[in-house]
Amino acid sequence: MTDSAEASLELIIERIEGEYSNFSVSSRWCRRQLMLGRKMFATFSEIDMSFKLGEGQLSQTYSIAGAETWNPKERGNPSRSWVLIPISQQKYWMLLALEAAKDMNTHGV
């Protein structure tokens, strides 16, 4: 894991922790999960972050170089609401994490 990726994640955690009282971090699938209540809205690994986004954000997010659909359960058809962003594009992680948290909080997406 790069120091800059871990630093980005820590900044994201601090920001979201300050905005949502029901925020938590857990681990599953060898990834750190960002959650509101019991619902996951983002995950982090050594080489990428993935985000659960609403349809409006998804179409824009797929224009980021290296963005691809992520299947959290790794079986069957992947959920179209999850997008993986590689570490090379970590400059987008904060914005996408905030959008994903907002969507989850507002719509339970």
Protein backbone atom coordinates (compact mmCIF):
# COMPACT_ATOMS: atom_id res chain seq x y z
CA MET A 1 0.00 0.00 0.00
CA THR A 2 1.34 3.40 -0.81
CA ASP A 3 1.61 6.04 1.85
CA SER A 4 -0.36 8.46 -0.31
CA ALA A 5 -3.26 6.00 -0.70
CA GLU A 6 -3.39 5.42 3.05
CA ALA A 7 -3.18 9.18 3.66
CA SER A 8 -6.06 9.75 1.21
CA LEU A 9 -8.14 7.14 3.00
CA GLU A 10 -7.44 8.68 6.42
CA LEU A 11 -8.52 12.11 5.17
CA ILE A 12 -11.71 10.61 3.76
CA ILE A 13 -12.43 8.85 7.06
CA GLU A 14 -11.86 12.04 9.07
CA ARG A 15 -14.13 14.06 6.80
CA ILE A 16 -17.00 11.57 6.75
CA GLU A 17 -16.67 10.84 10.48
CA GLY A 18 -17.23 14.56 11.09
CA GLU A 19 -20.38 14.63 8.97
CA TYR A 20 -22.18 11.40 9.86
CA SER A 21 -22.69 10.08 13.40
CA ASN A 22 -23.51 6.57 12.14
CA PHE A 23 -20.24 6.22 10.16
CA SER A 24 -17.96 3.23 10.78
CA VAL A 25 -15.08 1.35 9.19
CA SER A 26 -14.93 -2.44 9.01
CA SER A 27 -13.07 -5.10 7.01
CA ARG A 28 -14.34 -7.73 4.60
CA TRP A 29 -13.12 -9.27 1.35
CA CYS A 30 -9.56 -8.11 2.26
CA ARG A 31 -10.81 -4.52 1.93
CA ARG A 32 -11.61 -1.78 4.41
CA GLN A 33 -15.27 -0.86 4.19
CA LEU A 34 -16.77 2.56 4.82
CA MET A 35 -20.27 2.25 6.17
CA LEU A 36 -23.25 4.30 7.28
CA GLY A 37 -25.19 2.25 9.75
CA ARG A 38 -24.99 -1.28 8.41
CA LYS A 39 -24.73 -0.30 4.74
CA MET A 40 -21.46 -0.14 2.86
CA PHE A 41 -20.94 2.80 0.50
CA ALA A 42 -17.20 2.54 -0.28
CA THR A 43 -14.31 0.10 0.02
CA PHE A 44 -10.53 0.49 0.04
CA SER A 45 -7.72 -1.86 -0.94
CA GLU A 46 -4.02 -1.31 -1.52
CA ILE A 47 -4.55 -0.48 -5.17
CA ASP A 48 -8.03 1.03 -5.52
CA MET A 49 -11.23 2.33 -3.96
CA SER A 50 -14.74 1.40 -4.99
CA PHE A 51 -17.91 3.41 -4.47
CA LYS A 52 -21.63 2.75 -4.54
CA LEU A 53 -23.14 5.61 -6.51
CA GLY A 54 -26.48 6.67 -7.88
CA GLU A 55 -27.07 6.62 -11.63
CA GLY A 56 -26.39 10.34 -12.06
CA GLN A 57 -22.87 10.06 -10.69
CA LEU A 58 -22.12 6.70 -12.33
CA SER A 59 -22.19 7.96 -15.90
CA GLN A 60 -19.74 10.75 -15.07
CA THR A 61 -17.52 8.47 -13.00
CA TYR A 62 -17.01 5.98 -15.82
CA SER A 63 -15.27 8.76 -17.77
CA ILE A 64 -12.37 8.62 -15.27
CA ALA A 65 -9.43 6.72 -16.77
CA GLY A 66 -9.30 3.17 -15.37
CA ALA A 67 -12.80 3.25 -13.85
CA GLU A 68 -14.61 -0.07 -14.06
CA THR A 69 -17.59 -1.88 -12.59
CA TRP A 70 -16.81 -3.56 -9.27
CA ASN A 71 -18.66 -6.64 -8.06
CA PRO A 72 -18.57 -6.71 -4.24
CA LYS A 73 -19.82 -10.29 -4.06
CA GLU A 74 -17.67 -11.54 -6.96
CA ARG A 75 -20.41 -13.77 -8.32
CA GLY A 76 -23.06 -13.60 -10.98
CA ASN A 77 -23.87 -10.28 -12.56
CA PRO A 78 -22.02 -7.36 -11.01
CA SER A 79 -24.06 -4.58 -9.50
CA ARG A 80 -24.08 -1.60 -11.82
CA SER A 81 -24.10 0.77 -8.87
CA TRP A 82 -20.50 -0.02 -7.85
CA VAL A 83 -17.51 1.54 -9.60
CA LEU A 84 -13.83 0.86 -8.93
CA ILE A 85 -11.32 3.71 -9.23
CA PRO A 86 -7.62 2.76 -9.41
CA ILE A 87 -4.94 4.31 -7.22
CA SER A 88 -3.65 6.22 -10.25
CA GLN A 89 -6.85 8.28 -10.01
CA GLN A 90 -6.93 8.72 -6.22
CA LYS A 91 -7.43 12.47 -6.66
CA TYR A 92 -11.13 11.59 -7.23
CA TRP A 93 -11.52 9.42 -4.13
CA MET A 94 -12.58 12.15 -1.68
CA LEU A 95 -15.25 13.57 -3.97
CA LEU A 96 -16.63 10.13 -4.80
CA ALA A 97 -16.61 9.02 -1.16
CA LEU A 98 -18.56 12.13 -0.15
CA GLU A 99 -21.05 11.58 -2.97
CA ALA A 100 -21.49 7.91 -2.06
CA ALA A 101 -22.02 8.76 1.63
CA LYS A 102 -24.52 11.47 0.72
CA ASP A 103 -26.45 9.09 -1.57
CA MET A 104 -26.47 6.38 1.10
CA ASN A 105 -27.60 8.80 3.79
CA THR A 106 -30.30 10.39 1.64
CA HIS A 107 -31.62 7.45 -0.37
CA GLY A 108 -30.24 4.35 1.32
CA VAL A 109 -28.86 3.49 -2.14
